[in-house]
Amino acid sequence: MHFWDRHKTITCYYEMLMASVCEKYDLRKLEYDILLFLYHNPQYHTAADIVRIRKSTKSHVSTALKVLEEKGFIERKTAADNKKHVDLLLSDSANELIQEGIQVQKQFAHDMLRGLTKEEIVLCKQVFQKICNNAERCIKEKGWK
């Protein structure tokens, strides 16, 4: 079996775990993913960052951010010197949701790495990083924006 035939099994399991959090807070997957992304990556805090780093479409990110703002999970802060620069800030009302999301991520990692030694986990992370770097390089070479 090839990687592209099996990787969906891994993402399917993650989506199963996160479904309960999404249902509880009436969120779509992208909305949930954006909140966890903002939490784990405070250096990336604009819609453009999300589009660029997560390889999402502008329209989907924009729609998701509107929903998250309406639900009170994020706040937008416009820069005083540049009205086009808008920082995305997690609001306090997102704290419980984020903590539940972190627990889902921990459970997922625990389940996926079950039976692996510490050395195998380190090696797995190194190999995965190389694969991701190769994918980034290929995307840049092919001109994806």
N, C-alpha and C. Protein backbone atom coordinates (compact mmCIF):
# COMPACT_ATOMS: atom_id res chain seq x y z
N MET A 1 0.84 -1.18 0.00
CA MET A 1 0.00 0.00 0.00
C MET A 1 0.89 1.24 0.00
N HIS A 2 0.49 2.24 -0.73
CA HIS A 2 1.28 3.46 -0.86
C HIS A 2 0.83 4.51 0.15
N PHE A 3 1.75 5.44 0.42
CA PHE A 3 1.48 6.52 1.36
C PHE A 3 0.17 7.23 1.05
N TRP A 4 -0.04 7.58 -0.22
CA TRP A 4 -1.23 8.35 -0.57
C TRP A 4 -2.51 7.54 -0.40
N ASP A 5 -2.39 6.24 -0.30
CA ASP A 5 -3.56 5.40 -0.02
C ASP A 5 -3.83 5.31 1.48
N ARG A 6 -2.80 5.54 2.29
CA ARG A 6 -2.93 5.32 3.73
C ARG A 6 -2.99 6.59 4.57
N HIS A 7 -2.46 7.70 4.08
CA HIS A 7 -2.40 8.89 4.92
C HIS A 7 -3.80 9.36 5.33
N LYS A 8 -4.79 9.06 4.52
CA LYS A 8 -6.16 9.48 4.84
C LYS A 8 -6.67 8.79 6.12
N THR A 9 -6.17 7.59 6.39
CA THR A 9 -6.54 6.87 7.61
C THR A 9 -6.13 7.67 8.83
N ILE A 10 -4.95 8.25 8.78
CA ILE A 10 -4.44 9.04 9.91
C ILE A 10 -5.29 10.29 10.09
N THR A 11 -5.55 11.01 9.01
CA THR A 11 -6.36 12.24 9.14
C THR A 11 -7.80 11.91 9.52
N CYS A 12 -8.30 10.78 9.05
CA CYS A 12 -9.65 10.37 9.41
C CYS A 12 -9.77 10.17 10.92
N TYR A 13 -8.77 9.53 11.52
CA TYR A 13 -8.81 9.32 12.96
C TYR A 13 -8.76 10.66 13.71
N TYR A 14 -7.90 11.56 13.27
CA TYR A 14 -7.83 12.87 13.92
C TYR A 14 -9.17 13.59 13.82
N GLU A 15 -9.79 13.52 12.66
CA GLU A 15 -11.09 14.17 12.47
C GLU A 15 -12.17 13.53 13.35
N MET A 16 -12.07 12.22 13.58
CA MET A 16 -13.00 11.55 14.49
C MET A 16 -12.85 12.11 15.90
N LEU A 17 -11.61 12.28 16.34
CA LEU A 17 -11.36 12.79 17.69
C LEU A 17 -11.83 14.23 17.84
N MET A 18 -11.56 15.06 16.84
CA MET A 18 -11.90 16.48 16.98
C MET A 18 -13.39 16.76 16.77
N ALA A 19 -14.11 15.79 16.22
CA ALA A 19 -15.53 15.99 15.91
C ALA A 19 -16.34 16.37 17.15
N SER A 20 -16.02 15.77 18.29
CA SER A 20 -16.79 16.07 19.50
C SER A 20 -16.59 17.53 19.92
N VAL A 21 -15.38 18.05 19.78
CA VAL A 21 -15.13 19.45 20.13
C VAL A 21 -15.85 20.36 19.12
N CYS A 22 -15.76 20.00 17.85
CA CYS A 22 -16.43 20.81 16.83
C CYS A 22 -17.94 20.84 17.06
N GLU A 23 -18.50 19.68 17.39
CA GLU A 23 -19.95 19.63 17.64
C GLU A 23 -20.32 20.45 18.87
N LYS A 24 -19.56 20.30 19.94
CA LYS A 24 -19.84 21.02 21.18
C LYS A 24 -19.88 22.53 20.97
N TYR A 25 -18.96 23.04 20.15
CA TYR A 25 -18.85 24.49 19.94
C TYR A 25 -19.43 24.94 18.61
N ASP A 26 -20.09 24.04 17.91
CA ASP A 26 -20.72 24.33 16.62
C ASP A 26 -19.72 24.97 15.65
N LEU A 27 -18.61 24.25 15.45
CA LEU A 27 -17.55 24.73 14.56
C LEU A 27 -17.34 23.76 13.41
N ARG A 28 -16.89 24.31 12.31
CA ARG A 28 -16.44 23.48 11.19
C ARG A 28 -14.96 23.16 11.43
N LYS A 29 -14.46 22.19 10.70
CA LYS A 29 -13.08 21.76 10.85
C LYS A 29 -12.10 22.91 10.67
N LEU A 30 -12.26 23.71 9.63
CA LEU A 30 -11.33 24.80 9.39
C LEU A 30 -11.34 25.82 10.53
N GLU A 31 -12.51 26.11 11.07
CA GLU A 31 -12.61 27.05 12.18
C GLU A 31 -11.83 26.53 13.40
N TYR A 32 -12.04 25.26 13.70
CA TYR A 32 -11.32 24.60 14.78
C TYR A 32 -9.81 24.64 14.52
N ASP A 33 -9.42 24.27 13.30
CA ASP A 33 -8.00 24.24 12.94
C ASP A 33 -7.36 25.61 13.07
N ILE A 34 -8.07 26.65 12.68
CA ILE A 34 -7.53 28.01 12.77
C ILE A 34 -7.29 28.40 14.23
N LEU A 35 -8.23 28.09 15.10
CA LEU A 35 -8.05 28.42 16.52
C LEU A 35 -6.82 27.73 17.10
N LEU A 36 -6.67 26.44 16.81
CA LEU A 36 -5.51 25.71 17.32
C LEU A 36 -4.22 26.20 16.67
N PHE A 37 -4.30 26.56 15.39
CA PHE A 37 -3.13 27.12 14.71
C PHE A 37 -2.69 28.42 15.38
N LEU A 38 -3.63 29.31 15.64
CA LEU A 38 -3.30 30.59 16.27
C LEU A 38 -2.72 30.37 17.66
N TYR A 39 -3.24 29.40 18.38
CA TYR A 39 -2.74 29.10 19.72
C TYR A 39 -1.30 28.58 19.66
N HIS A 40 -1.06 27.61 18.80
CA HIS A 40 0.25 26.96 18.73
C HIS A 40 1.31 27.80 18.01
N ASN A 41 0.89 28.80 17.26
CA ASN A 41 1.81 29.60 16.44
C ASN A 41 1.58 31.09 16.64
N PRO A 42 1.87 31.61 17.82
CA PRO A 42 1.59 33.03 18.07
C PRO A 42 2.37 33.99 17.17
N GLN A 43 3.44 33.50 16.55
CA GLN A 43 4.20 34.35 15.63
C GLN A 43 3.44 34.58 14.33
N TYR A 44 2.44 33.75 14.04
CA TYR A 44 1.59 33.90 12.86
C TYR A 44 0.21 34.34 13.33
N HIS A 45 -0.16 35.57 13.05
CA HIS A 45 -1.39 36.11 13.64
C HIS A 45 -2.18 36.98 12.68
N THR A 46 -2.05 36.70 11.39
CA THR A 46 -2.87 37.41 10.41
C THR A 46 -3.54 36.38 9.50
N ALA A 47 -4.56 36.81 8.81
CA ALA A 47 -5.24 35.93 7.85
C ALA A 47 -4.26 35.50 6.76
N ALA A 48 -3.41 36.42 6.34
CA ALA A 48 -2.42 36.09 5.30
C ALA A 48 -1.47 35.00 5.79
N ASP A 49 -1.09 35.05 7.07
CA ASP A 49 -0.24 34.01 7.64
C ASP A 49 -0.92 32.64 7.56
N ILE A 50 -2.19 32.61 7.91
CA ILE A 50 -2.94 31.35 7.90
C ILE A 50 -3.01 30.80 6.48
N VAL A 51 -3.32 31.66 5.53
CA VAL A 51 -3.40 31.24 4.12
C VAL A 51 -2.05 30.69 3.66
N ARG A 52 -0.99 31.41 3.97
CA ARG A 52 0.34 31.03 3.50
C ARG A 52 0.86 29.75 4.18
N ILE A 53 0.78 29.67 5.48
CA ILE A 53 1.35 28.55 6.22
C ILE A 53 0.50 27.29 6.08
N ARG A 54 -0.81 27.44 6.16
CA ARG A 54 -1.69 26.26 6.12
C ARG A 54 -2.13 25.88 4.71
N LYS A 55 -1.74 26.69 3.73
CA LYS A 55 -2.10 26.43 2.33
C LYS A 55 -3.62 26.39 2.14
N SER A 56 -4.31 27.29 2.82
CA SER A 56 -5.76 27.40 2.70
C SER A 56 -6.11 28.51 1.71
N THR A 57 -7.34 28.49 1.24
CA THR A 57 -7.77 29.54 0.32
C THR A 57 -8.20 30.78 1.11
N LYS A 58 -7.97 31.94 0.51
CA LYS A 58 -8.33 33.20 1.17
C LYS A 58 -9.81 33.24 1.53
N SER A 59 -10.65 32.82 0.61
CA SER A 59 -12.09 32.90 0.85
C SER A 59 -12.52 32.00 2.00
N HIS A 60 -11.97 30.79 2.09
CA HIS A 60 -12.34 29.89 3.18
C HIS A 60 -11.85 30.43 4.53
N VAL A 61 -10.62 30.95 4.55
CA VAL A 61 -10.09 31.52 5.78
C VAL A 61 -10.92 32.73 6.20
N SER A 62 -11.24 33.58 5.25
CA SER A 62 -12.03 34.77 5.55
C SER A 62 -13.39 34.40 6.15
N THR A 63 -14.04 33.42 5.55
CA THR A 63 -15.35 32.97 6.05
C THR A 63 -15.21 32.39 7.45
N ALA A 64 -14.20 31.57 7.65
CA ALA A 64 -13.98 30.96 8.97
C ALA A 64 -13.69 32.01 10.03
N LEU A 65 -12.88 32.99 9.69
CA LEU A 65 -12.55 34.05 10.65
C LEU A 65 -13.78 34.86 11.01
N LYS A 66 -14.65 35.10 10.05
CA LYS A 66 -15.89 35.83 10.34
C LYS A 66 -16.73 35.06 11.35
N VAL A 67 -16.85 33.75 11.15
CA VAL A 67 -17.61 32.91 12.09
C VAL A 67 -16.98 32.94 13.47
N LEU A 68 -15.67 32.80 13.53
CA LEU A 68 -14.97 32.79 14.82
C LEU A 68 -15.11 34.12 15.55
N GLU A 69 -15.11 35.20 14.80
CA GLU A 69 -15.30 36.52 15.41
C GLU A 69 -16.74 36.67 15.91
N GLU A 70 -17.70 36.23 15.12
CA GLU A 70 -19.11 36.31 15.53
C GLU A 70 -19.37 35.49 16.79
N LYS A 71 -18.67 34.36 16.93
CA LYS A 71 -18.84 33.50 18.11
C LYS A 71 -18.04 34.01 19.30
N GLY A 72 -17.22 35.03 19.08
CA GLY A 72 -16.44 35.62 20.16
C GLY A 72 -15.15 34.89 20.49
N PHE A 73 -14.68 34.02 19.60
CA PHE A 73 -13.46 33.27 19.86
C PHE A 73 -12.20 34.02 19.45
N ILE A 74 -12.33 34.95 18.53
CA ILE A 74 -11.19 35.78 18.13
C ILE A 74 -11.61 37.24 18.08
N GLU A 75 -10.61 38.09 18.16
CA GLU A 75 -10.81 39.53 18.00
C GLU A 75 -9.82 40.00 16.95
N ARG A 76 -10.23 40.98 16.19
CA ARG A 76 -9.35 41.58 15.19
C ARG A 76 -8.85 42.91 15.72
N LYS A 77 -7.55 43.13 15.56
CA LYS A 77 -6.95 44.38 16.00
C LYS A 77 -6.24 45.00 14.80
N THR A 78 -6.75 46.14 14.37
CA THR A 78 -6.18 46.84 13.22
C THR A 78 -5.00 47.70 13.69
N ALA A 79 -3.91 47.62 12.96
CA ALA A 79 -2.73 48.42 13.30
C ALA A 79 -3.04 49.89 13.11
N ALA A 80 -2.59 50.72 14.04
CA ALA A 80 -2.85 52.16 13.99
C ALA A 80 -2.20 52.81 12.78
N ASP A 81 -1.02 52.32 12.40
CA ASP A 81 -0.28 52.93 11.31
C ASP A 81 -0.57 52.31 9.95
N ASN A 82 -1.34 51.21 9.91
CA ASN A 82 -1.63 50.54 8.65
C ASN A 82 -2.98 49.84 8.77
N LYS A 83 -4.01 50.46 8.24
CA LYS A 83 -5.37 49.94 8.37
C LYS A 83 -5.57 48.58 7.68
N LYS A 84 -4.65 48.24 6.76
CA LYS A 84 -4.76 46.94 6.08
C LYS A 84 -4.17 45.80 6.90
N HIS A 85 -3.36 46.12 7.90
CA HIS A 85 -2.75 45.08 8.74
C HIS A 85 -3.67 44.80 9.94
N VAL A 86 -4.21 43.58 9.96
CA VAL A 86 -5.13 43.19 11.03
C VAL A 86 -4.57 41.95 11.73
N ASP A 87 -4.31 42.11 13.03
CA ASP A 87 -3.86 40.99 13.84
C ASP A 87 -5.07 40.24 14.38
N LEU A 88 -4.92 38.93 14.46
CA LEU A 88 -5.98 38.07 15.01
C LEU A 88 -5.57 37.66 16.41
N LEU A 89 -6.43 37.94 17.35
CA LEU A 89 -6.14 37.63 18.75
C LEU A 89 -7.17 36.64 19.27
N LEU A 90 -6.70 35.64 19.98
CA LEU A 90 -7.62 34.70 20.62
C LEU A 90 -8.26 35.39 21.82
N SER A 91 -9.56 35.27 21.95
CA SER A 91 -10.24 35.88 23.09
C SER A 91 -10.30 34.88 24.24
N ASP A 92 -10.57 35.39 25.41
CA ASP A 92 -10.66 34.53 26.59
C ASP A 92 -11.74 33.46 26.44
N SER A 93 -12.78 33.77 25.69
CA SER A 93 -13.87 32.80 25.53
C SER A 93 -13.44 31.57 24.72
N ALA A 94 -12.27 31.63 24.09
CA ALA A 94 -11.76 30.49 23.34
C ALA A 94 -10.92 29.55 24.20
N ASN A 95 -10.62 29.95 25.43
CA ASN A 95 -9.70 29.18 26.28
C ASN A 95 -10.16 27.74 26.51
N GLU A 96 -11.40 27.55 26.88
CA GLU A 96 -11.90 26.19 27.16
C GLU A 96 -11.85 25.33 25.91
N LEU A 97 -12.30 25.88 24.80
CA LEU A 97 -12.28 25.17 23.53
C LEU A 97 -10.85 24.78 23.17
N ILE A 98 -9.92 25.69 23.31
CA ILE A 98 -8.53 25.41 22.97
C ILE A 98 -7.97 24.32 23.87
N GLN A 99 -8.28 24.37 25.15
CA GLN A 99 -7.79 23.33 26.06
C GLN A 99 -8.34 21.96 25.67
N GLU A 100 -9.60 21.91 25.27
CA GLU A 100 -10.17 20.65 24.80
C GLU A 100 -9.51 20.20 23.50
N GLY A 101 -9.19 21.14 22.63
CA GLY A 101 -8.49 20.83 21.38
C GLY A 101 -7.09 20.29 21.64
N ILE A 102 -6.41 20.87 22.60
CA ILE A 102 -5.08 20.40 22.97
C ILE A 102 -5.16 18.96 23.49
N GLN A 103 -6.17 18.68 24.28
CA GLN A 103 -6.35 17.31 24.79
C GLN A 103 -6.58 16.34 23.64
N VAL A 104 -7.36 16.75 22.64
CA VAL A 104 -7.58 15.92 21.46
C VAL A 104 -6.26 15.67 20.76
N GLN A 105 -5.45 16.70 20.60
CA GLN A 105 -4.17 16.56 19.92
C GLN A 105 -3.23 15.64 20.70
N LYS A 106 -3.24 15.76 22.02
CA LYS A 106 -2.41 14.88 22.84
C LYS A 106 -2.87 13.43 22.72
N GLN A 107 -4.18 13.22 22.75
CA GLN A 107 -4.72 11.87 22.59
C GLN A 107 -4.33 11.29 21.24
N PHE A 108 -4.45 12.10 20.21
CA PHE A 108 -4.09 11.67 18.85
C PHE A 108 -2.62 11.27 18.80
N ALA A 109 -1.74 12.13 19.31
CA ALA A 109 -0.31 11.83 19.29
C ALA A 109 -0.01 10.57 20.07
N HIS A 110 -0.63 10.42 21.24
CA HIS A 110 -0.43 9.23 22.05
C HIS A 110 -0.84 7.97 21.29
N ASP A 111 -1.99 8.03 20.67
CA ASP A 111 -2.50 6.87 19.93
C ASP A 111 -1.65 6.55 18.71
N MET A 112 -1.21 7.57 18.01
CA MET A 112 -0.44 7.34 16.77
C MET A 112 0.98 6.85 17.06
N LEU A 113 1.52 7.23 18.19
CA LEU A 113 2.90 6.87 18.50
C LEU A 113 3.00 5.67 19.44
N ARG A 114 1.85 5.07 19.76
CA ARG A 114 1.82 3.91 20.65
C ARG A 114 2.72 2.81 20.10
N GLY A 115 3.55 2.28 20.96
CA GLY A 115 4.42 1.17 20.58
C GLY A 115 5.75 1.59 19.98
N LEU A 116 5.93 2.87 19.75
CA LEU A 116 7.21 3.35 19.21
C LEU A 116 8.15 3.70 20.36
N THR A 117 9.42 3.41 20.17
CA THR A 117 10.41 3.80 21.17
C THR A 117 10.68 5.29 21.04
N LYS A 118 11.35 5.86 22.04
CA LYS A 118 11.71 7.28 21.97
C LYS A 118 12.59 7.55 20.76
N GLU A 119 13.48 6.62 20.48
CA GLU A 119 14.36 6.77 19.32
C GLU A 119 13.56 6.74 18.02
N GLU A 120 12.58 5.85 17.93
CA GLU A 120 11.75 5.78 16.73
C GLU A 120 10.92 7.04 16.56
N ILE A 121 10.45 7.61 17.68
CA ILE A 121 9.68 8.85 17.61
C ILE A 121 10.56 9.98 17.09
N VAL A 122 11.79 10.07 17.59
CA VAL A 122 12.72 11.09 17.11
C VAL A 122 12.97 10.90 15.62
N LEU A 123 13.23 9.68 15.21
CA LEU A 123 13.49 9.39 13.80
C LEU A 123 12.25 9.72 12.95
N CYS A 124 11.09 9.36 13.44
CA CYS A 124 9.84 9.65 12.72
C CYS A 124 9.69 11.15 12.51
N LYS A 125 9.95 11.95 13.54
CA LYS A 125 9.86 13.40 13.42
C LYS A 125 10.87 13.94 12.40
N GLN A 126 12.07 13.39 12.43
CA GLN A 126 13.10 13.84 11.49
C GLN A 126 12.72 13.51 10.05
N VAL A 127 12.23 12.31 9.83
CA VAL A 127 11.83 11.90 8.48
C VAL A 127 10.64 12.73 8.02
N PHE A 128 9.67 12.92 8.90
CA PHE A 128 8.49 13.71 8.54
C PHE A 128 8.89 15.14 8.18
N GLN A 129 9.84 15.71 8.93
CA GLN A 129 10.31 17.07 8.62
C GLN A 129 10.95 17.12 7.24
N LYS A 130 11.72 16.11 6.90
CA LYS A 130 12.34 16.06 5.58
C LYS A 130 11.29 15.95 4.49
N ILE A 131 10.26 15.14 4.72
CA ILE A 131 9.18 15.00 3.74
C ILE A 131 8.47 16.34 3.56
N CYS A 132 8.18 17.02 4.67
CA CYS A 132 7.52 18.32 4.59
C CYS A 132 8.39 19.35 3.86
N ASN A 133 9.69 19.33 4.15
CA ASN A 133 10.61 20.25 3.46
C ASN A 133 10.61 19.97 1.96
N ASN A 134 10.61 18.70 1.58
CA ASN A 134 10.56 18.35 0.16
C ASN A 134 9.26 18.85 -0.47
N ALA A 135 8.15 18.69 0.24
CA ALA A 135 6.87 19.16 -0.29
C ALA A 135 6.90 20.68 -0.48
N GLU A 136 7.43 21.41 0.50
CA GLU A 136 7.53 22.87 0.40
C GLU A 136 8.38 23.27 -0.81
N ARG A 137 9.50 22.59 -0.98
CA ARG A 137 10.38 22.88 -2.11
C ARG A 137 9.65 22.65 -3.42
N CYS A 138 8.94 21.53 -3.53
CA CYS A 138 8.21 21.21 -4.76
C CYS A 138 7.12 22.24 -5.04
N ILE A 139 6.44 22.66 -4.00
CA ILE A 139 5.38 23.67 -4.16
C ILE A 139 5.98 24.97 -4.70
N LYS A 140 7.09 25.38 -4.12
CA LYS A 140 7.75 26.61 -4.58
C LYS A 140 8.22 26.48 -6.02
N GLU A 141 8.79 25.32 -6.34
CA GLU A 141 9.27 25.09 -7.71
C GLU A 141 8.13 25.11 -8.73
N LYS A 142 6.96 24.63 -8.33
CA LYS A 142 5.82 24.57 -9.23
C LYS A 142 5.04 25.89 -9.26
N GLY A 143 5.42 26.82 -8.36
CA GLY A 143 4.84 28.14 -8.41
C GLY A 143 3.52 28.31 -7.68
N TRP A 144 3.23 27.47 -6.69
CA TRP A 144 2.00 27.65 -5.92
C TRP A 144 2.14 28.90 -5.08
N LYS A 145 1.07 29.63 -4.97
CA LYS A 145 1.13 30.90 -4.22
C LYS A 145 0.48 30.79 -2.90
